[in-house]
């Protein structure tokens, strides 16, 4: 029994709901046929869309005969296979060369192309992505995407057949009747072989799919629209259920910074979330350092000044950890090195699903800022940020202390004295301090000194552990979008943005946080450093982040993979 299997009545409801959303006119007997054939939502929805797309393209009614033709490969007596040029078709991946399902055995040179449909396009004449057929049908490439792109393959003799991509719960043998061992991934840009430890979220031995939107368009399509397509193909409708409160994790950018992701892209993601039935809101947590984002009032002011407002993004803004950075939930984690629990901003914890939009850039301590940095550090409360940044307990700057007593009121360990021996000023009893950082968050005058001293590897591991906590309960309900544009050497928390270290590369989207950060790191490494930037003279293959910050950023991905949060193996699929 698969985890997401539904009974027949539930399957019928899922199909009818999907048909209503997509305005598909389909008879009850066809609904029943599909419901009896598949048992999980992803396969049900994929089958419905495939049948509908085929019928629309052929301008035929959706009948049982047509559904059986599309899903089972049965012949339609009136099907004219000459309507589709042979040069645009590919054999079924499940069969051996020259002996595809229903093909003439004399065919020995199968065409190695497929046509991939944009699910947002009208059904009349969709534009096509041309990708190698081995990549289109490799089983692992669909493992992380609950509603993958629909693919149309045409056998030279047997006619047109739609293939249904498997869900995470169903195998290729059950859906396609093919030998999954023969469907190996193609064009993998990064493969890290070897078995991984059984992790907290379970081990994953298959490559993840990472959708790639290059800066250049081959079809004169808007970059904003193509980013939206990448989000959809990452499985948006599988991640979001009707009525879900969806946190869109962004970085609003510090005042004076220009590297953050433009609100134009965020508005498109908001639109798609609403179309999927979700209730989106933009969120980030307050900073530990003193600046314009260390409290919710100034943080929201900064966000609005940088272009994030309801008028521009059409969604509300909520600071995850509240007015002063203390509104958080303690999330228990296990199997980790440093923490048994982490404190995450309440708004993020109570969201039902999440879209994480990250600007890839350098970072002084982590070396590299991607999805992990955006989630782990970005959604931790102010006290959590203190715990990530240092194992050294905070101390009071006596000159800045105003005797307001806020720190002692908020100290859970009651280890802050305000006696006459210290002139009435705060003093932390280090032997009793638990290092929670609540005093740092409570002090409005910067009198509690933050110790920024920690080993870079330990710092990365702590970020991973906080990411683990932030994703708890939403492991299967989160999509990650990484912008490899204006890749600056420093974090967007600075009040400036330096010259980009490499040319703009594009945007990645995936449901695997490890894979998307690994792919982002790999693509920046493969790029050539920009002239007049700090990466000038760094050739393709140079680890730019190591060169700039002397930090091995692979520690993050290695530790996260060991915890079972994802895989460093991935397959790139391009959206032109």
Protein backbone atom coordinates (compact mmCIF):
# COMPACT_ATOMS: atom_id res chain seq x y z
CA UNK A 1 0.00 0.00 0.00
CA UNK A 2 1.55 3.30 -1.09
CA UNK A 3 1.60 6.20 1.35
CA UNK A 4 -0.63 8.47 -0.78
CA UNK A 5 -3.04 5.86 -2.16
CA UNK A 6 -6.70 6.83 -2.12
CA UNK A 7 -9.82 4.71 -2.37
CA UNK A 8 -11.91 4.77 -5.54
CA UNK A 9 -14.34 7.42 -4.31
CA UNK A 10 -11.52 9.75 -3.30
CA UNK A 11 -9.80 9.24 -6.66
CA UNK A 12 -12.98 10.21 -8.50
CA UNK A 13 -13.23 13.37 -6.38
CA UNK A 14 -9.59 14.25 -7.14
CA UNK A 15 -10.16 13.81 -10.88
CA UNK A 16 -13.36 15.83 -10.92
CA UNK A 17 -11.69 18.63 -8.99
CA UNK A 18 -8.75 18.66 -11.40
CA UNK A 19 -11.10 18.61 -14.41
CA UNK A 20 -13.06 21.54 -13.00
CA UNK A 21 -9.89 23.56 -12.37
CA UNK A 22 -8.59 22.91 -15.88
CA UNK A 23 -12.04 23.34 -17.52
CA UNK A 24 -11.86 19.82 -18.96
CA UNK A 25 -15.17 18.45 -20.23
CA UNK A 26 -15.00 14.75 -19.44
CA UNK A 27 -17.66 12.07 -19.01
CA UNK A 28 -18.16 10.09 -15.81
CA UNK A 29 -17.23 6.79 -17.44
CA UNK A 30 -13.81 8.17 -18.42
CA UNK A 31 -13.32 9.52 -14.89
CA UNK A 32 -14.14 6.07 -13.53
CA UNK A 33 -11.76 4.41 -15.99
CA UNK A 34 -8.81 6.61 -14.91
CA UNK A 35 -9.73 6.29 -11.22
CA UNK A 36 -9.65 2.51 -11.47
CA UNK A 37 -6.34 2.55 -13.33
CA UNK A 38 -4.26 4.71 -10.97
CA UNK A 39 -4.17 4.97 -7.19
CA UNK A 40 -2.25 8.14 -6.27
CA UNK A 41 -3.09 11.81 -7.01
CA UNK A 42 -0.02 12.54 -9.13
CA UNK A 43 -0.66 9.68 -11.55
CA UNK A 44 -4.39 10.46 -11.65
CA UNK A 45 -3.82 14.09 -12.55
CA UNK A 46 -1.13 13.24 -15.09
CA UNK A 47 -3.41 10.75 -16.80
CA UNK A 48 -6.28 13.24 -16.97
CA UNK A 49 -4.11 15.97 -18.47
CA UNK A 50 -2.52 13.59 -20.97
CA UNK A 51 -5.90 12.35 -22.21
CA UNK A 52 -7.26 15.91 -22.38
CA UNK A 53 -4.21 17.26 -24.22
CA UNK A 54 -4.33 14.46 -26.77
CA UNK A 55 -8.05 14.96 -27.40
CA UNK A 56 -7.65 18.72 -27.75
CA UNK A 57 -4.76 18.42 -30.16
CA UNK A 58 -6.67 15.94 -32.32
CA UNK A 59 -9.93 17.85 -31.85
CA UNK A 60 -11.61 14.66 -30.69
CA UNK A 61 -14.12 14.09 -27.86
CA UNK A 62 -12.80 12.45 -24.69
CA UNK A 63 -14.21 8.94 -24.87
CA UNK A 64 -13.35 5.62 -23.24
CA UNK A 65 -11.85 4.49 -26.54
CA UNK A 66 -9.58 7.54 -26.69
CA UNK A 67 -8.60 7.20 -23.02
CA UNK A 68 -7.62 3.57 -23.55
CA UNK A 69 -5.64 4.58 -26.62
CA UNK A 70 -3.71 7.25 -24.69
CA UNK A 71 -3.17 5.32 -21.48
CA UNK A 72 -2.97 1.71 -22.67
CA UNK A 73 -1.61 2.18 -26.19
CA UNK A 74 -4.63 0.59 -27.94
CA UNK A 75 -5.19 1.61 -31.56
CA UNK A 76 -7.79 4.05 -32.75
CA UNK A 77 -9.11 2.85 -36.09
CA UNK A 78 -9.33 6.36 -37.51
CA UNK A 79 -5.94 7.57 -36.23
CA UNK A 80 -3.82 9.11 -38.98
CA UNK A 81 -0.20 8.82 -37.88
CA UNK A 82 1.02 10.85 -40.83
CA UNK A 83 -0.21 14.05 -39.18
CA UNK A 84 2.96 14.23 -37.06
CA UNK A 85 6.31 14.32 -38.89
CA UNK A 86 8.60 11.40 -38.05
CA UNK A 87 11.48 13.81 -37.54
CA UNK A 88 9.76 15.16 -34.43
CA UNK A 89 9.04 11.87 -32.71
CA UNK A 90 10.83 9.36 -30.54
CA UNK A 91 10.39 5.69 -29.70
CA UNK A 92 9.05 4.54 -26.37
CA UNK A 93 11.87 4.50 -23.83
CA UNK A 94 10.59 1.35 -22.19
CA UNK A 95 11.43 -0.86 -25.19
CA UNK A 96 14.72 -1.74 -26.75
CA UNK A 97 15.94 -0.05 -29.91
CA UNK A 98 14.21 -1.33 -33.02
CA UNK A 99 11.58 -3.18 -30.94
CA UNK A 100 9.50 -0.40 -29.38
CA UNK A 101 5.97 -1.18 -28.23
CA UNK A 102 3.98 -2.01 -31.34
CA UNK A 103 6.81 -1.01 -33.69
CA UNK A 104 7.91 -2.77 -36.82
CA UNK A 105 11.00 -4.87 -36.01
CA UNK A 106 12.63 -3.57 -39.18
CA UNK A 107 13.01 -0.14 -37.59
CA UNK A 108 16.64 -0.01 -36.43
CA UNK A 109 17.45 3.70 -36.14
CA UNK A 110 15.03 5.24 -33.61
CA UNK A 111 14.77 9.02 -33.60
CA UNK A 112 16.22 10.42 -30.35
CA UNK A 113 13.95 13.41 -29.76
CA UNK A 114 10.83 14.03 -27.74
CA UNK A 115 8.36 16.84 -27.51
CA UNK A 116 7.58 18.29 -24.11
CA UNK A 117 4.47 20.38 -23.57
CA UNK A 118 4.17 23.50 -21.46
CA UNK A 119 1.29 22.69 -19.11
CA UNK A 120 0.24 26.36 -19.06
CA UNK A 121 -0.07 26.60 -22.84
CA UNK A 122 -3.35 26.32 -24.66
CA UNK A 123 -4.09 22.92 -26.10
CA UNK A 124 -4.38 24.11 -29.68
CA UNK A 125 -0.75 24.05 -30.76
CA UNK A 126 1.61 24.00 -27.77
CA UNK A 127 5.17 25.08 -28.21
CA UNK A 128 7.70 22.34 -27.74
CA UNK A 129 10.87 21.73 -25.74
CA UNK A 130 13.18 19.37 -27.60
CA UNK A 131 15.21 17.22 -25.19
CA UNK A 132 16.96 13.86 -25.50
CA UNK A 133 14.47 11.03 -25.02
CA UNK A 134 16.66 9.23 -22.51
CA UNK A 135 16.53 12.29 -20.29
CA UNK A 136 12.79 12.71 -20.83
CA UNK A 137 11.96 9.22 -19.61
CA UNK A 138 14.58 8.45 -17.00
CA UNK A 139 12.80 7.34 -13.85
CA UNK A 140 14.89 9.24 -11.27
CA UNK A 141 14.29 12.58 -12.99
CA UNK A 142 10.63 12.54 -11.94
CA UNK A 143 11.25 11.44 -8.37
CA UNK A 144 11.18 14.95 -6.93
CA UNK A 145 8.35 16.36 -9.06
CA UNK A 146 4.84 15.29 -8.30
CA UNK A 147 3.31 16.78 -11.45
CA UNK A 148 6.01 16.60 -14.12
CA UNK A 149 5.86 18.09 -17.57
CA UNK A 150 3.65 16.16 -19.97
CA UNK A 151 5.53 14.40 -22.72
CA UNK A 152 4.23 13.26 -26.11
CA UNK A 153 6.03 10.44 -27.91
CA UNK A 154 4.99 9.00 -31.26
CA UNK A 155 6.01 5.56 -32.52
CA UNK A 156 6.68 5.52 -36.25
CA UNK A 157 4.16 2.75 -36.79
CA UNK A 158 1.89 2.41 -33.77
CA UNK A 159 0.78 6.05 -33.54
CA UNK A 160 0.75 8.55 -30.72
CA UNK A 161 1.16 7.42 -27.09
CA UNK A 162 1.29 9.60 -23.99
CA UNK A 163 3.56 8.43 -21.19
CA UNK A 164 2.50 8.99 -17.57
CA UNK A 165 5.30 10.08 -15.26
CA UNK A 166 5.37 8.11 -12.00
CA UNK A 167 4.80 9.66 -8.63
CA UNK A 168 7.27 9.24 -5.78
CA UNK A 169 5.18 6.33 -4.49
CA UNK A 170 4.64 4.36 -7.71
CA UNK A 171 7.31 2.60 -9.72
CA UNK A 172 7.84 2.80 -13.46
CA UNK A 173 6.99 -0.90 -13.74
CA UNK A 174 3.51 -0.26 -12.34
CA UNK A 175 2.77 2.80 -14.47
CA UNK A 176 4.54 2.13 -17.76
CA UNK A 177 5.30 -1.56 -17.56
CA UNK A 178 8.96 -0.90 -18.35
CA UNK A 179 12.20 -2.05 -16.82
CA UNK A 180 13.27 0.87 -14.62
CA UNK A 181 16.83 -0.48 -14.56
CA UNK A 182 17.12 0.42 -18.25
CA UNK A 183 16.05 4.02 -17.77
CA UNK A 184 19.29 5.62 -16.64
CA UNK A 185 19.53 9.42 -16.31
CA UNK A 186 21.17 11.33 -19.13
CA UNK A 187 23.31 14.48 -19.12
CA UNK A 188 23.79 14.56 -15.36
CA UNK A 189 25.82 17.63 -14.54
CA UNK A 190 26.81 16.38 -11.10
CA UNK A 191 26.92 12.80 -9.82
CA UNK A 192 28.25 11.92 -6.40
CA UNK A 193 28.30 8.12 -6.28
CA UNK A 194 28.19 5.86 -3.26
CA UNK A 195 25.55 4.85 -0.78
CA UNK A 196 24.39 7.41 1.74
CA UNK A 197 23.44 6.91 5.37
CA UNK A 198 19.79 6.31 6.16
CA UNK A 199 18.75 9.85 7.00
CA UNK A 200 16.09 11.57 9.03
CA UNK A 201 13.83 11.93 6.03
CA UNK A 202 14.84 8.60 4.50
CA UNK A 203 17.60 7.80 2.06
CA UNK A 204 17.33 8.71 -1.59
CA UNK A 205 19.52 6.89 -4.08
CA UNK A 206 18.08 8.49 -7.21
CA UNK A 207 19.06 11.78 -8.85
CA UNK A 208 16.71 14.71 -8.32
CA UNK A 209 15.26 16.80 -11.11
CA UNK A 210 16.45 20.41 -11.24
CA UNK A 211 14.63 22.59 -13.76
CA UNK A 212 16.86 25.23 -15.39
CA UNK A 213 15.73 28.50 -16.96
CA UNK A 214 18.65 30.00 -18.92
CA UNK A 215 18.87 33.75 -19.35
CA UNK A 216 18.56 33.45 -23.11
CA UNK A 217 15.16 32.53 -24.55
CA UNK A 218 14.85 30.58 -27.80
CA UNK A 219 11.16 31.41 -28.22
CA UNK A 220 10.98 35.05 -27.16
CA UNK A 221 9.23 34.16 -23.91
CA UNK A 222 9.40 36.37 -20.84
CA UNK A 223 11.88 35.30 -18.18
CA UNK A 224 9.14 35.88 -15.61
CA UNK A 225 6.83 33.47 -17.43
CA UNK A 226 9.56 30.85 -17.77
CA UNK A 227 10.34 31.07 -14.05
CA UNK A 228 6.65 30.42 -13.43
CA UNK A 229 6.80 27.39 -15.72
CA UNK A 230 9.76 26.02 -13.74
CA UNK A 231 7.83 26.40 -10.50
CA UNK A 232 4.83 24.61 -11.98
CA UNK A 233 6.91 21.76 -13.35
CA UNK A 234 8.51 21.31 -9.95
CA UNK A 235 5.12 20.09 -8.75
CA UNK A 236 3.24 23.15 -7.54
CA UNK A 237 -0.21 21.53 -7.56
CA UNK A 238 1.12 18.53 -5.62
CA UNK A 239 2.72 20.77 -2.98
CA UNK A 240 -0.30 23.02 -2.43
CA UNK A 241 -3.73 21.83 -1.31
CA UNK A 242 -6.86 23.96 -1.44
CA UNK A 243 -6.79 26.54 1.34
CA UNK A 244 -3.14 26.03 2.27
CA UNK A 245 -1.38 29.02 3.84
CA UNK A 246 1.76 29.23 1.74
CA UNK A 247 4.88 31.01 3.00
CA UNK A 248 6.95 32.50 0.20
CA UNK A 249 10.36 32.85 1.84
CA UNK A 250 12.24 35.78 0.36
CA UNK A 251 15.05 38.11 1.37
CA UNK A 252 13.74 41.67 1.27
CA UNK A 253 17.25 43.10 0.96
CA UNK A 254 18.93 45.55 3.31
CA UNK A 255 18.55 49.27 2.62
CA UNK A 256 20.99 50.20 -0.15
CA UNK A 257 21.33 46.62 -1.41
CA UNK A 258 20.31 45.79 -4.99
CA UNK A 259 21.08 42.07 -5.22
CA UNK A 260 17.79 40.68 -3.89
CA UNK A 261 15.30 38.95 -6.21
CA UNK A 262 12.98 41.41 -7.94
CA UNK A 263 9.35 41.61 -6.75
CA UNK A 264 8.31 41.03 -10.39
CA UNK A 265 9.22 37.35 -10.08
CA UNK A 266 7.63 37.07 -6.66
CA UNK A 267 4.33 38.40 -8.02
CA UNK A 268 4.28 35.64 -10.66
CA UNK A 269 4.86 33.00 -7.98
CA UNK A 270 2.09 34.56 -5.87
CA UNK A 271 -0.26 34.32 -8.86
CA UNK A 272 0.53 30.65 -9.39
CA UNK A 273 0.07 29.83 -5.71
CA UNK A 274 -3.36 31.46 -5.78
CA UNK A 275 -4.30 29.55 -8.94
CA UNK A 276 -3.33 26.31 -7.15
CA UNK A 277 -5.74 27.15 -4.33
CA UNK A 278 -3.19 28.46 -1.81
CA UNK A 279 -3.14 31.61 0.30
CA UNK A 280 0.33 33.11 -0.18
CA UNK A 281 2.20 35.49 2.07
CA UNK A 282 5.77 36.81 1.88
CA UNK A 283 7.96 36.25 4.91
CA UNK A 284 11.43 36.61 6.40
CA UNK A 285 12.73 36.74 9.96
CA UNK A 286 14.46 39.61 11.74
CA UNK A 287 18.24 39.90 11.71
CA UNK A 288 20.61 39.41 14.62
CA UNK A 289 22.83 42.32 13.68
CA UNK A 290 21.65 45.88 14.28
CA UNK A 291 20.23 47.35 11.11
CA UNK A 292 16.99 48.19 9.38
CA UNK A 293 15.74 44.60 9.57
CA UNK A 294 16.27 43.76 13.26
CA UNK A 295 12.63 44.50 14.14
CA UNK A 296 9.37 44.04 12.25
CA UNK A 297 8.49 47.74 11.93
CA UNK A 298 11.72 48.76 10.24
CA UNK A 299 11.95 45.42 8.43
CA UNK A 300 8.60 45.96 6.72
CA UNK A 301 9.49 49.56 5.96
CA UNK A 302 12.69 48.38 4.29
CA UNK A 303 10.78 45.73 2.32
CA UNK A 304 8.30 48.29 1.02
CA UNK A 305 11.10 50.69 0.08
CA UNK A 306 12.71 47.87 -1.90
CA UNK A 307 9.50 47.27 -3.86
CA UNK A 308 7.79 44.55 -1.81
CA UNK A 309 4.28 45.77 -1.07
CA UNK A 310 0.80 44.34 -1.50
CA UNK A 311 0.32 46.61 -4.49
CA UNK A 312 3.34 45.11 -6.28
CA UNK A 313 3.30 41.45 -5.20
CA UNK A 314 -0.45 41.06 -4.44
CA UNK A 315 0.20 39.22 -1.18
CA UNK A 316 0.61 40.33 2.45
CA UNK A 317 4.00 40.57 4.17
CA UNK A 318 4.45 38.86 7.55
CA UNK A 319 7.66 38.94 9.56
CA UNK A 320 8.09 35.33 10.68
CA UNK A 321 9.41 35.95 14.20
CA UNK A 322 7.28 38.94 15.11
CA UNK A 323 7.92 42.44 16.30
CA UNK A 324 11.25 41.94 18.06
CA UNK A 325 12.42 38.59 16.74
CA UNK A 326 11.22 36.54 19.71
CA UNK A 327 8.07 34.91 18.31
CA UNK A 328 9.27 31.41 17.53
CA UNK A 329 8.54 27.73 18.02
CA UNK A 330 11.03 25.23 19.39
CA UNK A 331 11.21 22.39 16.87
CA UNK A 332 12.74 19.10 17.99
CA UNK A 333 15.23 17.46 15.63
CA UNK A 334 17.27 14.28 16.02
CA UNK A 335 20.34 12.57 14.62
CA UNK A 336 22.17 15.89 14.46
CA UNK A 337 25.55 17.03 15.81
CA UNK A 338 24.85 20.35 17.50
CA UNK A 339 21.21 20.85 18.48
CA UNK A 340 18.32 18.75 19.73
CA UNK A 341 15.87 21.55 18.99
CA UNK A 342 15.92 24.76 16.98
CA UNK A 343 13.82 27.90 17.27
CA UNK A 344 12.03 28.89 14.05
CA UNK A 345 9.84 31.93 13.35
CA UNK A 346 6.21 31.12 14.18
CA UNK A 347 4.68 32.29 10.91
CA UNK A 348 6.90 29.90 8.95
CA UNK A 349 6.24 26.99 11.31
CA UNK A 350 2.47 27.36 11.05
CA UNK A 351 2.42 27.69 7.25
CA UNK A 352 1.10 24.64 5.42
CA UNK A 353 3.50 24.83 2.47
CA UNK A 354 6.44 26.92 1.37
CA UNK A 355 8.09 28.35 -1.74
CA UNK A 356 11.70 29.31 -1.02
CA UNK A 357 13.05 31.98 -3.36
CA UNK A 358 16.80 32.48 -2.92
CA UNK A 359 19.35 34.79 -4.48
CA UNK A 360 22.61 32.88 -4.91
CA UNK A 361 25.65 34.86 -3.76
CA UNK A 362 28.76 34.64 -1.65
CA UNK A 363 28.80 34.82 2.15
CA UNK A 364 31.63 35.69 4.51
CA UNK A 365 31.11 32.81 6.93
CA UNK A 366 29.12 30.20 4.99
CA UNK A 367 31.05 30.92 1.80
CA UNK A 368 27.89 30.50 -0.26
CA UNK A 369 24.33 31.69 0.20
CA UNK A 370 21.60 29.60 -1.42
CA UNK A 371 18.46 27.80 -0.28
CA UNK A 372 19.99 26.45 2.95
CA UNK A 373 21.17 29.86 4.06
CA UNK A 374 17.81 31.38 3.11
CA UNK A 375 15.81 28.82 5.11
CA UNK A 376 18.06 27.93 8.05
CA UNK A 377 19.46 31.33 8.90
CA UNK A 378 16.60 33.24 7.30
CA UNK A 379 13.78 31.63 9.29
CA UNK A 380 15.59 31.24 12.60
CA UNK A 381 14.61 33.70 15.33
CA UNK A 382 17.18 36.22 16.55
CA UNK A 383 18.19 33.89 19.38
CA UNK A 384 18.55 31.04 16.89
CA UNK A 385 20.85 33.19 14.79
CA UNK A 386 23.03 33.78 17.86
CA UNK A 387 23.25 30.01 18.42
CA UNK A 388 24.23 29.45 14.79
CA UNK A 389 26.85 32.14 14.74
CA UNK A 390 28.70 31.25 17.90
CA UNK A 391 29.16 28.68 20.62
CA UNK A 392 30.60 31.51 22.75
CA UNK A 393 28.07 32.95 25.17
CA UNK A 394 27.14 36.64 24.85
CA UNK A 395 28.47 39.38 27.13
CA UNK A 396 27.27 42.83 28.12
CA UNK A 397 28.87 46.03 26.82
CA UNK A 398 28.63 48.05 30.04
CA UNK A 399 28.98 51.38 28.26
CA UNK A 400 25.89 50.76 26.13
CA UNK A 401 23.71 49.27 28.87
CA UNK A 402 20.86 51.61 29.92
CA UNK A 403 19.65 49.52 32.91
CA UNK A 404 16.30 48.92 31.17
CA UNK A 405 16.19 45.34 32.54
CA UNK A 406 14.70 43.90 29.33
CA UNK A 407 17.41 41.29 29.06
CA UNK A 408 16.87 39.98 32.60
CA UNK A 409 13.10 39.85 32.06
CA UNK A 410 13.48 37.69 28.95
CA UNK A 411 16.31 35.45 30.18
CA UNK A 412 14.86 31.91 30.58
CA UNK A 413 17.85 30.82 32.73
CA UNK A 414 17.59 33.86 35.08
CA UNK A 415 21.34 34.32 34.81
CA UNK A 416 21.46 38.11 34.34
CA UNK A 417 22.18 40.22 37.43
CA UNK A 418 21.34 43.93 37.72
CA UNK A 419 22.89 44.57 41.14
CA UNK A 420 24.79 47.51 42.58
CA UNK A 421 28.05 45.64 42.23
CA UNK A 422 27.77 46.31 38.50
CA UNK A 423 26.43 49.85 38.91
CA UNK A 424 22.91 48.57 38.28
CA UNK A 425 23.86 47.43 34.81
CA UNK A 426 23.33 43.98 33.37
CA UNK A 427 25.87 41.27 33.97
CA UNK A 428 25.60 37.73 32.58
CA UNK A 429 26.61 34.86 34.86
CA UNK A 430 28.44 32.82 32.24
CA UNK A 431 28.43 29.56 34.22
CA UNK A 432 24.61 29.62 34.33
CA UNK A 433 24.05 30.95 30.81
CA UNK A 434 22.54 28.41 28.39
CA UNK A 435 23.57 30.38 25.31
CA UNK A 436 20.01 30.75 23.97
CA UNK A 437 20.55 34.30 22.71
CA UNK A 438 17.23 35.64 24.05
CA UNK A 439 19.04 38.53 25.72
CA UNK A 440 20.56 39.52 22.40
CA UNK A 441 17.10 39.66 20.86
CA UNK A 442 15.65 41.52 23.83
CA UNK A 443 18.24 44.31 24.02
CA UNK A 444 17.14 47.36 22.06
CA UNK A 445 20.42 49.22 22.50
CA UNK A 446 22.99 46.81 21.15
CA UNK A 447 24.50 46.37 24.61
CA UNK A 448 24.56 42.57 24.49
CA UNK A 449 27.63 41.69 22.51
CA UNK A 450 27.23 39.12 19.79
CA UNK A 451 30.19 36.82 19.36
CA UNK A 452 30.54 36.12 15.64
CA UNK A 453 33.30 33.63 16.22
CA UNK A 454 32.69 30.08 14.95
CA UNK A 455 34.31 27.51 12.69
CA UNK A 456 32.97 27.73 9.13
CA UNK A 457 32.20 24.01 8.92
CA UNK A 458 30.34 24.08 12.23
CA UNK A 459 28.50 27.20 11.11
CA UNK A 460 27.32 25.46 7.94
CA UNK A 461 26.20 22.40 9.87
CA UNK A 462 24.22 24.55 12.27
CA UNK A 463 22.47 26.23 9.35
CA UNK A 464 21.58 22.80 7.98
CA UNK A 465 20.13 21.74 11.34
CA UNK A 466 17.97 24.86 11.53
CA UNK A 467 16.85 24.21 7.96
CA UNK A 468 15.87 20.70 9.02
CA UNK A 469 13.70 22.17 11.76
CA UNK A 470 12.17 24.82 9.50
CA UNK A 471 11.15 22.17 6.97
CA UNK A 472 9.75 19.72 9.52
CA UNK A 473 6.24 18.78 8.45
CA UNK A 474 6.73 20.44 5.08
CA UNK A 475 9.39 18.12 3.63
CA UNK A 476 7.06 17.19 0.75
CA UNK A 477 5.35 20.56 0.53
CA UNK A 478 8.22 22.88 -0.35
CA UNK A 479 9.58 24.10 -3.69
CA UNK A 480 12.96 25.85 -4.01
CA UNK A 481 13.82 28.52 -6.59
CA UNK A 482 17.43 29.72 -6.85
CA UNK A 483 18.28 32.85 -8.86
CA UNK A 484 21.77 32.67 -10.33
CA UNK A 485 21.67 36.32 -11.38
CA UNK A 486 23.71 39.28 -10.17
CA UNK A 487 25.80 36.83 -8.15
CA UNK A 488 27.54 39.16 -5.72
CA UNK A 489 30.51 38.22 -3.52
CA UNK A 490 28.70 39.14 -0.28
CA UNK A 491 25.29 38.58 1.31
CA UNK A 492 22.25 40.77 0.59
CA UNK A 493 22.30 41.76 4.28
CA UNK A 494 24.99 44.31 3.42
CA UNK A 495 23.87 47.86 2.60
CA UNK A 496 25.60 47.66 -0.79
CA UNK A 497 26.05 45.23 -3.66
CA UNK A 498 29.44 44.65 -5.27
CA UNK A 499 29.96 43.76 -8.93
CA UNK A 500 28.66 40.33 -9.97
CA UNK A 501 31.43 37.72 -9.91
CA UNK A 502 30.23 35.79 -13.01
CA UNK A 503 27.79 36.50 -15.87
CA UNK A 504 24.13 35.88 -15.13
CA UNK A 505 23.44 32.15 -15.51
CA UNK A 506 19.70 31.66 -15.02
CA UNK A 507 17.19 30.31 -12.53
CA UNK A 508 16.88 26.83 -11.02
CA UNK A 509 13.81 25.18 -9.47
CA UNK A 510 13.48 21.87 -7.65
CA UNK A 511 11.81 20.08 -4.76
CA UNK A 512 15.18 18.86 -3.49
CA UNK A 513 17.04 21.48 -1.44
CA UNK A 514 20.34 19.60 -1.54
CA UNK A 515 20.25 19.12 -5.30
CA UNK A 516 19.37 22.74 -6.09
CA UNK A 517 22.16 24.19 -3.95
CA UNK A 518 24.64 21.66 -5.34
CA UNK A 519 23.59 22.53 -8.90
CA UNK A 520 23.87 26.26 -8.13
CA UNK A 521 27.36 25.84 -6.72
CA UNK A 522 28.40 23.70 -9.71
CA UNK A 523 27.14 26.21 -12.27
CA UNK A 524 28.94 29.12 -10.62
CA UNK A 525 32.12 27.02 -10.44
CA UNK A 526 31.88 26.24 -14.16
CA UNK A 527 31.42 29.91 -15.08
CA UNK A 528 34.25 32.32 -15.91
CA UNK A 529 34.86 35.20 -13.51
CA UNK A 530 33.74 38.66 -14.60
CA UNK A 531 36.29 41.29 -15.44
CA UNK A 532 36.44 44.15 -12.92
CA UNK A 533 34.93 41.95 -10.19
CA UNK A 534 36.64 40.22 -7.27
CA UNK A 535 36.52 37.04 -9.38
CA UNK A 536 38.43 38.60 -12.28
CA UNK A 537 40.90 36.09 -13.68
CA UNK A 538 39.12 33.08 -12.17
CA UNK A 539 38.58 30.63 -14.99
CA UNK A 540 35.91 28.02 -15.54
CA UNK A 541 36.32 25.28 -12.95
CA UNK A 542 37.69 27.55 -10.23
CA UNK A 543 35.79 27.35 -6.94
CA UNK A 544 34.85 31.03 -6.72
CA UNK A 545 33.47 30.81 -3.18
CA UNK A 546 36.59 29.11 -1.83
CA UNK A 547 38.77 31.67 -3.59
CA UNK A 548 36.80 34.61 -2.16
CA UNK A 549 36.07 33.41 1.38
CA UNK A 550 38.38 30.42 2.00
CA UNK A 551 35.33 28.29 2.90
CA UNK A 552 34.52 24.82 1.56
CA UNK A 553 30.80 25.22 0.87
CA UNK A 554 30.39 21.51 0.09
CA UNK A 555 30.18 20.91 3.85
CA UNK A 556 26.56 22.11 3.73
CA UNK A 557 25.44 19.72 0.99
CA UNK A 558 27.41 16.78 2.38
CA UNK A 559 25.97 17.14 5.88
CA UNK A 560 22.41 17.67 4.60
CA UNK A 561 22.66 14.62 2.36
CA UNK A 562 23.89 12.55 5.29
CA UNK A 563 20.84 13.66 7.29
CA UNK A 564 18.62 12.43 4.45
CA UNK A 565 17.38 15.89 3.42
CA UNK A 566 18.03 15.29 -0.26
CA UNK A 567 20.62 14.15 -2.75
CA UNK A 568 23.66 15.76 -4.35
CA UNK A 569 22.89 13.79 -7.50
CA UNK A 570 20.72 15.65 -9.98
CA UNK A 571 19.58 15.85 -13.58
CA UNK A 572 19.18 19.24 -15.24
CA UNK A 573 16.10 19.83 -17.41
CA UNK A 574 16.06 23.04 -19.39
CA UNK A 575 13.11 25.33 -20.06
CA UNK A 576 13.98 27.50 -23.07
